[in-house]
Amino acid sequence: MSSVMESFSNLSGANSVLADAVVHSVEKALTMCGASARCVGVATVPLRDKGLVTGIIGVHGRVSGFITVNMSEVLAISVVEGLLQEEFGKLTSQVVDGAGEVTNMICGGIKSQLAKTNFSFQGITVPSIIVGEGYSMAFARGLDFVSATFEHDNPEAVMLDDRLLSVSMCFLKL
């Protein structure tokens, strides 16, 4: 694990295995989209996601729970354009479908990273995508929760919120 990731994990109290899995998976998935981002924070409590597009995938195995990938409209368009090598310029049904595929790629990476740990899971659901702002998610107590926030290197995104991607994992050990 990088020294930056160790610092985030130590400061937040986050499980380093989960935090490391998220960081590696996001980096790998974004590379496949011709993009990059750096981890700017890790939290062990739910944060209010600011992005317009949220992918959700359920997981089951040694743990049961879900993984969410939240991104701004600008970021969703950018990474899907990189993944599909097409220009969309606005939020379309193809971009929403592509955001589901990016969510799937990140979750698949997390699944691989956690395969030999106490957090392994064998199954994942089909991604569901929420498009919109202002929704709230509730979390039960006693779950292992980690959220990592990344800043995308997009020179066209002027506002900070347009450059953010967050990935949250909420797991119950079975």
N, C-alpha and C. Protein backbone atom coordinates (compact mmCIF):
# COMPACT_ATOMS: atom_id res chain seq x y z
N MET A 1 0.86 -1.17 0.00
CA MET A 1 0.00 0.00 0.00
C MET A 1 0.89 1.22 0.00
N SER A 2 0.52 2.25 -0.75
CA SER A 2 1.31 3.47 -0.82
C SER A 2 1.30 4.21 0.51
N SER A 3 2.33 5.04 0.72
CA SER A 3 2.39 5.78 1.98
C SER A 3 1.24 6.76 2.10
N VAL A 4 0.78 7.31 0.98
CA VAL A 4 -0.37 8.21 1.00
C VAL A 4 -1.61 7.45 1.46
N MET A 5 -1.82 6.24 0.94
CA MET A 5 -2.97 5.44 1.33
C MET A 5 -2.87 5.06 2.80
N GLU A 6 -1.67 4.71 3.27
CA GLU A 6 -1.49 4.39 4.69
C GLU A 6 -1.87 5.58 5.55
N SER A 7 -1.47 6.78 5.11
CA SER A 7 -1.81 7.99 5.87
C SER A 7 -3.31 8.18 5.94
N PHE A 8 -4.01 8.04 4.80
CA PHE A 8 -5.46 8.18 4.79
C PHE A 8 -6.11 7.16 5.70
N SER A 9 -5.67 5.90 5.59
CA SER A 9 -6.26 4.84 6.40
C SER A 9 -6.02 5.08 7.88
N ASN A 10 -4.79 5.47 8.23
CA ASN A 10 -4.48 5.73 9.63
C ASN A 10 -5.30 6.90 10.18
N LEU A 11 -5.42 7.96 9.40
CA LEU A 11 -6.17 9.13 9.85
C LEU A 11 -7.66 8.84 10.01
N SER A 12 -8.22 8.11 9.07
CA SER A 12 -9.67 7.89 9.09
C SER A 12 -10.07 6.68 9.93
N GLY A 13 -9.11 5.81 10.24
CA GLY A 13 -9.44 4.57 10.93
C GLY A 13 -10.00 3.53 9.99
N ALA A 14 -9.87 3.76 8.69
CA ALA A 14 -10.42 2.84 7.69
C ALA A 14 -9.64 1.54 7.66
N ASN A 15 -10.32 0.47 7.34
CA ASN A 15 -9.68 -0.81 7.14
C ASN A 15 -8.76 -0.69 5.92
N SER A 16 -7.47 -0.90 6.12
CA SER A 16 -6.49 -0.69 5.05
C SER A 16 -6.69 -1.66 3.89
N VAL A 17 -7.17 -2.87 4.17
CA VAL A 17 -7.42 -3.85 3.10
C VAL A 17 -8.51 -3.33 2.17
N LEU A 18 -9.60 -2.83 2.75
CA LEU A 18 -10.70 -2.28 1.93
C LEU A 18 -10.27 -1.02 1.19
N ALA A 19 -9.58 -0.12 1.89
CA ALA A 19 -9.16 1.13 1.28
C ALA A 19 -8.20 0.86 0.12
N ASP A 20 -7.27 -0.04 0.30
CA ASP A 20 -6.31 -0.37 -0.74
C ASP A 20 -7.01 -0.99 -1.95
N ALA A 21 -8.00 -1.86 -1.70
CA ALA A 21 -8.74 -2.49 -2.80
C ALA A 21 -9.47 -1.45 -3.64
N VAL A 22 -10.06 -0.47 -2.98
CA VAL A 22 -10.78 0.59 -3.71
C VAL A 22 -9.81 1.39 -4.57
N VAL A 23 -8.71 1.82 -3.98
CA VAL A 23 -7.76 2.67 -4.71
C VAL A 23 -7.20 1.94 -5.94
N HIS A 24 -6.76 0.71 -5.78
CA HIS A 24 -6.22 -0.04 -6.92
C HIS A 24 -7.28 -0.27 -8.00
N SER A 25 -8.49 -0.56 -7.58
CA SER A 25 -9.56 -0.86 -8.55
C SER A 25 -9.96 0.38 -9.33
N VAL A 26 -10.06 1.50 -8.67
CA VAL A 26 -10.41 2.75 -9.38
C VAL A 26 -9.30 3.12 -10.35
N GLU A 27 -8.06 3.05 -9.91
CA GLU A 27 -6.94 3.38 -10.80
C GLU A 27 -6.94 2.50 -12.04
N LYS A 28 -7.15 1.21 -11.86
CA LYS A 28 -7.14 0.27 -12.99
C LYS A 28 -8.31 0.53 -13.94
N ALA A 29 -9.50 0.73 -13.38
CA ALA A 29 -10.69 0.97 -14.21
C ALA A 29 -10.55 2.27 -15.00
N LEU A 30 -10.08 3.31 -14.35
CA LEU A 30 -9.93 4.59 -15.05
C LEU A 30 -8.86 4.52 -16.13
N THR A 31 -7.81 3.74 -15.90
CA THR A 31 -6.79 3.56 -16.93
C THR A 31 -7.42 2.96 -18.18
N MET A 32 -8.34 2.00 -17.99
CA MET A 32 -9.03 1.39 -19.12
C MET A 32 -9.92 2.39 -19.85
N CYS A 33 -10.25 3.49 -19.17
CA CYS A 33 -11.07 4.55 -19.76
C CYS A 33 -10.21 5.71 -20.28
N GLY A 34 -8.90 5.53 -20.27
CA GLY A 34 -8.01 6.59 -20.72
C GLY A 34 -8.01 7.78 -19.77
N ALA A 35 -8.25 7.53 -18.49
CA ALA A 35 -8.34 8.61 -17.51
C ALA A 35 -7.51 8.25 -16.28
N SER A 36 -7.35 9.22 -15.40
CA SER A 36 -6.66 8.96 -14.15
C SER A 36 -7.25 9.87 -13.08
N ALA A 37 -7.06 9.45 -11.84
CA ALA A 37 -7.54 10.23 -10.70
C ALA A 37 -6.66 9.88 -9.52
N ARG A 38 -6.60 10.79 -8.57
CA ARG A 38 -5.81 10.51 -7.37
C ARG A 38 -6.74 10.50 -6.17
N CYS A 39 -6.45 9.60 -5.24
CA CYS A 39 -7.25 9.51 -4.02
C CYS A 39 -6.96 10.74 -3.17
N VAL A 40 -8.03 11.45 -2.78
CA VAL A 40 -7.86 12.66 -1.97
C VAL A 40 -8.45 12.50 -0.57
N GLY A 41 -9.04 11.34 -0.28
CA GLY A 41 -9.57 11.12 1.06
C GLY A 41 -10.23 9.77 1.22
N VAL A 42 -10.20 9.29 2.46
CA VAL A 42 -10.85 8.04 2.82
C VAL A 42 -11.65 8.29 4.09
N ALA A 43 -12.87 7.78 4.14
CA ALA A 43 -13.73 7.97 5.32
C ALA A 43 -14.34 6.65 5.73
N THR A 44 -14.71 6.56 7.01
CA THR A 44 -15.38 5.37 7.52
C THR A 44 -16.82 5.66 7.88
N VAL A 45 -17.28 6.82 7.52
CA VAL A 45 -18.68 7.20 7.74
C VAL A 45 -19.25 7.66 6.40
N PRO A 46 -20.53 7.44 6.17
CA PRO A 46 -21.14 7.87 4.91
C PRO A 46 -21.05 9.38 4.74
N LEU A 47 -20.71 9.78 3.53
CA LEU A 47 -20.65 11.19 3.16
C LEU A 47 -21.75 11.48 2.16
N ARG A 48 -22.12 12.71 2.03
CA ARG A 48 -23.13 13.10 1.04
C ARG A 48 -22.46 13.14 -0.33
N ASP A 49 -22.86 12.25 -1.22
CA ASP A 49 -22.30 12.23 -2.56
C ASP A 49 -22.88 13.37 -3.37
N LYS A 50 -22.01 14.09 -4.08
CA LYS A 50 -22.45 15.28 -4.81
C LYS A 50 -22.69 15.03 -6.29
N GLY A 51 -22.25 13.88 -6.80
CA GLY A 51 -22.36 13.61 -8.23
C GLY A 51 -23.77 13.31 -8.67
N LEU A 52 -24.01 13.48 -9.95
CA LEU A 52 -25.33 13.27 -10.55
C LEU A 52 -25.59 11.81 -10.91
N VAL A 53 -24.53 11.02 -11.11
CA VAL A 53 -24.67 9.65 -11.58
C VAL A 53 -24.09 8.70 -10.52
N THR A 54 -24.92 7.77 -10.06
CA THR A 54 -24.47 6.80 -9.05
C THR A 54 -24.79 5.39 -9.53
N GLY A 55 -23.75 4.56 -9.57
CA GLY A 55 -23.92 3.15 -9.87
C GLY A 55 -23.90 2.36 -8.57
N ILE A 56 -24.77 1.37 -8.47
CA ILE A 56 -24.86 0.54 -7.27
C ILE A 56 -24.82 -0.93 -7.69
N ILE A 57 -23.97 -1.69 -7.00
CA ILE A 57 -23.89 -3.13 -7.25
C ILE A 57 -23.92 -3.85 -5.91
N GLY A 58 -24.79 -4.85 -5.79
CA GLY A 58 -24.84 -5.67 -4.59
C GLY A 58 -23.81 -6.78 -4.68
N VAL A 59 -23.29 -7.19 -3.52
CA VAL A 59 -22.30 -8.27 -3.47
C VAL A 59 -22.73 -9.30 -2.44
N HIS A 60 -22.32 -10.56 -2.65
CA HIS A 60 -22.61 -11.60 -1.66
C HIS A 60 -21.53 -12.67 -1.73
N GLY A 61 -21.25 -13.25 -0.59
CA GLY A 61 -20.22 -14.26 -0.42
C GLY A 61 -19.90 -14.33 1.06
N ARG A 62 -18.61 -14.16 1.42
CA ARG A 62 -18.24 -14.06 2.83
C ARG A 62 -18.81 -12.80 3.46
N VAL A 63 -19.07 -11.83 2.60
CA VAL A 63 -19.72 -10.60 3.03
C VAL A 63 -20.96 -10.39 2.17
N SER A 64 -21.86 -9.62 2.69
CA SER A 64 -23.04 -9.22 1.94
C SER A 64 -23.12 -7.70 2.06
N GLY A 65 -23.48 -7.05 0.98
CA GLY A 65 -23.56 -5.59 1.03
C GLY A 65 -23.62 -5.00 -0.36
N PHE A 66 -23.08 -3.81 -0.49
CA PHE A 66 -23.10 -3.17 -1.79
C PHE A 66 -21.94 -2.20 -1.94
N ILE A 67 -21.68 -1.87 -3.20
CA ILE A 67 -20.65 -0.91 -3.56
C ILE A 67 -21.32 0.15 -4.41
N THR A 68 -21.04 1.42 -4.12
CA THR A 68 -21.57 2.51 -4.93
C THR A 68 -20.42 3.28 -5.57
N VAL A 69 -20.66 3.75 -6.77
CA VAL A 69 -19.71 4.59 -7.49
C VAL A 69 -20.48 5.85 -7.89
N ASN A 70 -20.07 6.98 -7.32
CA ASN A 70 -20.76 8.24 -7.55
C ASN A 70 -19.85 9.19 -8.32
N MET A 71 -20.37 9.81 -9.37
CA MET A 71 -19.57 10.73 -10.18
C MET A 71 -20.43 11.85 -10.73
N SER A 72 -19.76 12.94 -11.03
CA SER A 72 -20.45 14.08 -11.63
C SER A 72 -20.84 13.75 -13.07
N GLU A 73 -21.74 14.54 -13.60
CA GLU A 73 -22.14 14.38 -14.99
C GLU A 73 -20.94 14.55 -15.92
N VAL A 74 -20.12 15.58 -15.66
CA VAL A 74 -18.93 15.85 -16.47
C VAL A 74 -17.98 14.65 -16.44
N LEU A 75 -17.77 14.11 -15.26
CA LEU A 75 -16.87 12.97 -15.11
C LEU A 75 -17.44 11.73 -15.78
N ALA A 76 -18.72 11.48 -15.60
CA ALA A 76 -19.35 10.32 -16.24
C ALA A 76 -19.19 10.39 -17.76
N ILE A 77 -19.46 11.53 -18.33
CA ILE A 77 -19.32 11.70 -19.79
C ILE A 77 -17.88 11.47 -20.20
N SER A 78 -16.94 12.04 -19.47
CA SER A 78 -15.52 11.94 -19.81
C SER A 78 -15.03 10.50 -19.78
N VAL A 79 -15.32 9.77 -18.69
CA VAL A 79 -14.79 8.40 -18.59
C VAL A 79 -15.48 7.46 -19.57
N VAL A 80 -16.77 7.67 -19.82
CA VAL A 80 -17.47 6.80 -20.78
C VAL A 80 -16.98 7.10 -22.20
N GLU A 81 -16.73 8.36 -22.51
CA GLU A 81 -16.16 8.68 -23.82
C GLU A 81 -14.81 8.00 -24.00
N GLY A 82 -14.00 7.99 -22.93
CA GLY A 82 -12.70 7.31 -23.00
C GLY A 82 -12.84 5.81 -23.14
N LEU A 83 -13.80 5.24 -22.44
CA LEU A 83 -14.03 3.79 -22.50
C LEU A 83 -14.51 3.36 -23.87
N LEU A 84 -15.50 4.08 -24.41
CA LEU A 84 -16.13 3.68 -25.67
C LEU A 84 -15.48 4.29 -26.91
N GLN A 85 -14.54 5.24 -26.68
CA GLN A 85 -13.88 5.93 -27.79
C GLN A 85 -14.89 6.60 -28.73
N GLU A 86 -15.92 7.18 -28.10
CA GLU A 86 -16.94 7.94 -28.83
C GLU A 86 -17.15 9.26 -28.12
N GLU A 87 -17.62 10.26 -28.85
CA GLU A 87 -17.90 11.55 -28.23
C GLU A 87 -19.41 11.69 -28.03
N PHE A 88 -19.82 12.02 -26.80
CA PHE A 88 -21.23 12.19 -26.49
C PHE A 88 -21.54 13.64 -26.15
N GLY A 89 -20.68 14.29 -25.36
CA GLY A 89 -20.85 15.70 -25.05
C GLY A 89 -21.95 16.03 -24.06
N LYS A 90 -22.86 15.10 -23.83
CA LYS A 90 -23.94 15.32 -22.86
C LYS A 90 -24.36 13.97 -22.30
N LEU A 91 -25.17 14.02 -21.25
CA LEU A 91 -25.64 12.80 -20.62
C LEU A 91 -26.70 12.15 -21.51
N THR A 92 -26.38 10.99 -22.03
CA THR A 92 -27.29 10.24 -22.90
C THR A 92 -27.52 8.86 -22.30
N SER A 93 -28.39 8.10 -22.90
CA SER A 93 -28.63 6.73 -22.42
C SER A 93 -27.36 5.89 -22.55
N GLN A 94 -26.54 6.15 -23.59
CA GLN A 94 -25.28 5.41 -23.74
C GLN A 94 -24.32 5.75 -22.62
N VAL A 95 -24.29 7.02 -22.19
CA VAL A 95 -23.42 7.42 -21.08
C VAL A 95 -23.88 6.76 -19.79
N VAL A 96 -25.19 6.72 -19.56
CA VAL A 96 -25.72 6.06 -18.36
C VAL A 96 -25.36 4.58 -18.38
N ASP A 97 -25.54 3.91 -19.51
CA ASP A 97 -25.14 2.50 -19.64
C ASP A 97 -23.65 2.34 -19.41
N GLY A 98 -22.86 3.25 -19.97
CA GLY A 98 -21.41 3.22 -19.80
C GLY A 98 -21.01 3.42 -18.34
N ALA A 99 -21.72 4.29 -17.63
CA ALA A 99 -21.45 4.49 -16.20
C ALA A 99 -21.71 3.19 -15.43
N GLY A 100 -22.69 2.43 -15.87
CA GLY A 100 -22.94 1.11 -15.27
C GLY A 100 -21.78 0.17 -15.53
N GLU A 101 -21.21 0.25 -16.72
CA GLU A 101 -20.06 -0.60 -17.04
C GLU A 101 -18.83 -0.18 -16.24
N VAL A 102 -18.61 1.12 -16.06
CA VAL A 102 -17.50 1.60 -15.24
C VAL A 102 -17.68 1.13 -13.80
N THR A 103 -18.91 1.19 -13.30
CA THR A 103 -19.21 0.68 -11.95
C THR A 103 -18.88 -0.81 -11.88
N ASN A 104 -19.26 -1.55 -12.89
CA ASN A 104 -18.97 -2.98 -12.97
C ASN A 104 -17.46 -3.24 -12.97
N MET A 105 -16.70 -2.44 -13.70
CA MET A 105 -15.25 -2.60 -13.77
C MET A 105 -14.61 -2.35 -12.40
N ILE A 106 -15.05 -1.30 -11.72
CA ILE A 106 -14.51 -0.98 -10.40
C ILE A 106 -14.86 -2.09 -9.42
N CYS A 107 -16.11 -2.55 -9.43
CA CYS A 107 -16.53 -3.62 -8.52
C CYS A 107 -15.80 -4.93 -8.82
N GLY A 108 -15.59 -5.22 -10.08
CA GLY A 108 -14.84 -6.41 -10.45
C GLY A 108 -13.41 -6.35 -9.94
N GLY A 109 -12.81 -5.16 -10.01
CA GLY A 109 -11.46 -4.98 -9.48
C GLY A 109 -11.43 -5.16 -7.97
N ILE A 110 -12.42 -4.62 -7.29
CA ILE A 110 -12.51 -4.78 -5.84
C ILE A 110 -12.68 -6.25 -5.49
N LYS A 111 -13.53 -6.93 -6.24
CA LYS A 111 -13.74 -8.37 -6.01
C LYS A 111 -12.42 -9.13 -6.13
N SER A 112 -11.64 -8.83 -7.14
CA SER A 112 -10.34 -9.49 -7.33
C SER A 112 -9.39 -9.16 -6.19
N GLN A 113 -9.34 -7.89 -5.80
CA GLN A 113 -8.44 -7.45 -4.73
C GLN A 113 -8.78 -8.11 -3.40
N LEU A 114 -10.06 -8.37 -3.16
CA LEU A 114 -10.49 -8.92 -1.88
C LEU A 114 -10.63 -10.44 -1.87
N ALA A 115 -10.31 -11.09 -2.99
CA ALA A 115 -10.56 -12.53 -3.16
C ALA A 115 -9.94 -13.40 -2.06
N LYS A 116 -8.79 -13.07 -1.58
CA LYS A 116 -8.11 -13.91 -0.58
C LYS A 116 -8.15 -13.27 0.80
N THR A 117 -9.17 -12.48 1.08
CA THR A 117 -9.30 -11.82 2.37
C THR A 117 -10.59 -12.24 3.06
N ASN A 118 -10.81 -11.75 4.26
CA ASN A 118 -12.06 -12.00 4.98
C ASN A 118 -13.24 -11.26 4.36
N PHE A 119 -12.97 -10.40 3.39
CA PHE A 119 -14.03 -9.62 2.74
C PHE A 119 -14.35 -10.16 1.34
N SER A 120 -13.97 -11.39 1.05
CA SER A 120 -14.20 -11.91 -0.30
C SER A 120 -15.69 -12.11 -0.57
N PHE A 121 -16.03 -11.94 -1.82
CA PHE A 121 -17.40 -12.21 -2.26
C PHE A 121 -17.34 -12.84 -3.64
N GLN A 122 -18.29 -13.74 -3.90
CA GLN A 122 -18.30 -14.47 -5.15
C GLN A 122 -19.26 -13.88 -6.17
N GLY A 123 -20.35 -13.31 -5.69
CA GLY A 123 -21.37 -12.85 -6.62
C GLY A 123 -21.57 -11.36 -6.57
N ILE A 124 -21.90 -10.82 -7.73
CA ILE A 124 -22.28 -9.41 -7.81
C ILE A 124 -23.56 -9.30 -8.64
N THR A 125 -24.33 -8.28 -8.36
CA THR A 125 -25.57 -8.07 -9.11
C THR A 125 -25.29 -7.24 -10.36
N VAL A 126 -26.28 -7.12 -11.18
CA VAL A 126 -26.23 -6.22 -12.33
C VAL A 126 -26.24 -4.80 -11.77
N PRO A 127 -25.46 -3.89 -12.34
CA PRO A 127 -25.45 -2.53 -11.80
C PRO A 127 -26.79 -1.82 -12.01
N SER A 128 -27.17 -1.06 -10.99
CA SER A 128 -28.32 -0.15 -11.11
C SER A 128 -27.74 1.25 -11.10
N ILE A 129 -28.35 2.14 -11.87
CA ILE A 129 -27.85 3.52 -11.98
C ILE A 129 -28.93 4.48 -11.51
N ILE A 130 -28.53 5.37 -10.62
CA ILE A 130 -29.40 6.48 -10.20
C ILE A 130 -28.89 7.72 -10.90
N VAL A 131 -29.76 8.43 -11.59
CA VAL A 131 -29.40 9.71 -12.19
C VAL A 131 -30.23 10.76 -11.47
N GLY A 132 -29.56 11.63 -10.74
CA GLY A 132 -30.25 12.66 -9.99
C GLY A 132 -29.50 12.99 -8.72
N GLU A 133 -29.91 14.08 -8.12
CA GLU A 133 -29.27 14.57 -6.90
C GLU A 133 -30.26 14.57 -5.76
N GLY A 134 -29.72 14.69 -4.55
CA GLY A 134 -30.58 14.90 -3.39
C GLY A 134 -31.18 13.66 -2.78
N TYR A 135 -30.77 12.49 -3.20
CA TYR A 135 -31.29 11.28 -2.58
C TYR A 135 -30.44 10.97 -1.34
N SER A 136 -30.98 10.19 -0.44
CA SER A 136 -30.24 9.78 0.76
C SER A 136 -30.23 8.27 0.85
N MET A 137 -29.12 7.73 1.33
CA MET A 137 -29.01 6.30 1.57
C MET A 137 -28.81 6.10 3.06
N ALA A 138 -29.49 5.12 3.62
CA ALA A 138 -29.35 4.80 5.04
C ALA A 138 -28.51 3.54 5.17
N PHE A 139 -27.72 3.47 6.24
CA PHE A 139 -26.84 2.35 6.47
C PHE A 139 -27.09 1.80 7.86
N ALA A 140 -27.13 0.48 7.97
CA ALA A 140 -27.31 -0.16 9.28
C ALA A 140 -26.03 -0.06 10.09
N ARG A 141 -26.15 -0.10 11.39
CA ARG A 141 -24.97 -0.08 12.25
C ARG A 141 -24.27 -1.43 12.22
N GLY A 142 -22.99 -1.40 12.55
CA GLY A 142 -22.22 -2.64 12.66
C GLY A 142 -21.66 -3.15 11.35
N LEU A 143 -21.78 -2.37 10.30
CA LEU A 143 -21.25 -2.78 9.01
C LEU A 143 -19.85 -2.20 8.82
N ASP A 144 -19.04 -2.89 8.02
CA ASP A 144 -17.74 -2.33 7.64
C ASP A 144 -18.01 -1.37 6.48
N PHE A 145 -17.66 -0.10 6.68
CA PHE A 145 -17.93 0.93 5.68
C PHE A 145 -16.65 1.68 5.37
N VAL A 146 -16.37 1.83 4.09
CA VAL A 146 -15.23 2.63 3.63
C VAL A 146 -15.67 3.41 2.40
N SER A 147 -15.32 4.68 2.37
CA SER A 147 -15.59 5.52 1.22
C SER A 147 -14.30 6.23 0.83
N ALA A 148 -13.94 6.16 -0.43
CA ALA A 148 -12.75 6.84 -0.93
C ALA A 148 -13.17 7.86 -1.98
N THR A 149 -12.61 9.05 -1.89
CA THR A 149 -12.90 10.12 -2.83
C THR A 149 -11.67 10.36 -3.70
N PHE A 150 -11.92 10.50 -5.00
CA PHE A 150 -10.85 10.69 -5.98
C PHE A 150 -11.09 11.99 -6.74
N GLU A 151 -9.99 12.63 -7.13
CA GLU A 151 -10.08 13.82 -7.98
C GLU A 151 -9.56 13.44 -9.35
N HIS A 152 -10.42 13.56 -10.35
CA HIS A 152 -10.12 13.22 -11.74
C HIS A 152 -9.30 14.33 -12.37
N ASP A 153 -8.34 13.95 -13.17
CA ASP A 153 -7.48 14.92 -13.86
C ASP A 153 -8.13 15.38 -15.15
N ASN A 154 -9.18 16.19 -15.04
CA ASN A 154 -9.90 16.69 -16.21
C ASN A 154 -9.70 18.20 -16.31
N PRO A 155 -8.87 18.67 -17.24
CA PRO A 155 -8.61 20.10 -17.34
C PRO A 155 -9.83 20.93 -17.75
N GLU A 156 -10.83 20.29 -18.32
CA GLU A 156 -12.04 21.01 -18.74
C GLU A 156 -13.04 21.20 -17.60
N ALA A 157 -12.87 20.47 -16.52
CA ALA A 157 -13.78 20.57 -15.37
C ALA A 157 -13.27 21.69 -14.46
N VAL A 158 -13.95 22.82 -14.48
CA VAL A 158 -13.53 23.99 -13.71
C VAL A 158 -13.91 23.85 -12.24
N MET A 159 -15.10 23.36 -11.95
CA MET A 159 -15.58 23.23 -10.59
C MET A 159 -15.06 21.92 -9.97
N LEU A 160 -14.67 21.99 -8.70
CA LEU A 160 -14.14 20.81 -8.02
C LEU A 160 -15.15 19.66 -8.04
N ASP A 161 -16.42 19.95 -7.78
CA ASP A 161 -17.44 18.89 -7.76
C ASP A 161 -17.51 18.14 -9.08
N ASP A 162 -17.14 18.79 -10.19
CA ASP A 162 -17.16 18.14 -11.49
C ASP A 162 -16.00 17.17 -11.68
N ARG A 163 -15.01 17.22 -10.78
CA ARG A 163 -13.83 16.35 -10.91
C ARG A 163 -13.84 15.21 -9.90
N LEU A 164 -14.89 15.12 -9.08
CA LEU A 164 -14.89 14.12 -8.00
C LEU A 164 -15.60 12.82 -8.36
N LEU A 165 -15.00 11.75 -7.88
CA LEU A 165 -15.58 10.41 -7.99
C LEU A 165 -15.44 9.80 -6.60
N SER A 166 -16.49 9.20 -6.11
CA SER A 166 -16.36 8.52 -4.82
C SER A 166 -16.88 7.09 -4.94
N VAL A 167 -16.18 6.21 -4.25
CA VAL A 167 -16.55 4.80 -4.22
C VAL A 167 -16.73 4.42 -2.76
N SER A 168 -17.91 3.88 -2.45
CA SER A 168 -18.22 3.47 -1.08
C SER A 168 -18.54 1.98 -1.06
N MET A 169 -18.07 1.33 0.02
CA MET A 169 -18.36 -0.09 0.22
C MET A 169 -18.98 -0.25 1.60
N CYS A 170 -20.04 -1.01 1.65
CA CYS A 170 -20.74 -1.26 2.91
C CYS A 170 -20.95 -2.77 3.00
N PHE A 171 -20.24 -3.43 3.93
CA PHE A 171 -20.26 -4.88 4.00
C PHE A 171 -20.64 -5.39 5.38
N LEU A 172 -21.40 -6.47 5.40
CA LEU A 172 -21.71 -7.22 6.61
C LEU A 172 -21.00 -8.56 6.48
N LYS A 173 -20.11 -8.90 7.42
CA LYS A 173 -19.43 -10.19 7.39
C LYS A 173 -20.42 -11.28 7.81
N LEU A 174 -20.48 -12.34 7.01
CA LEU A 174 -21.39 -13.45 7.29
C LEU A 174 -20.67 -14.58 8.01
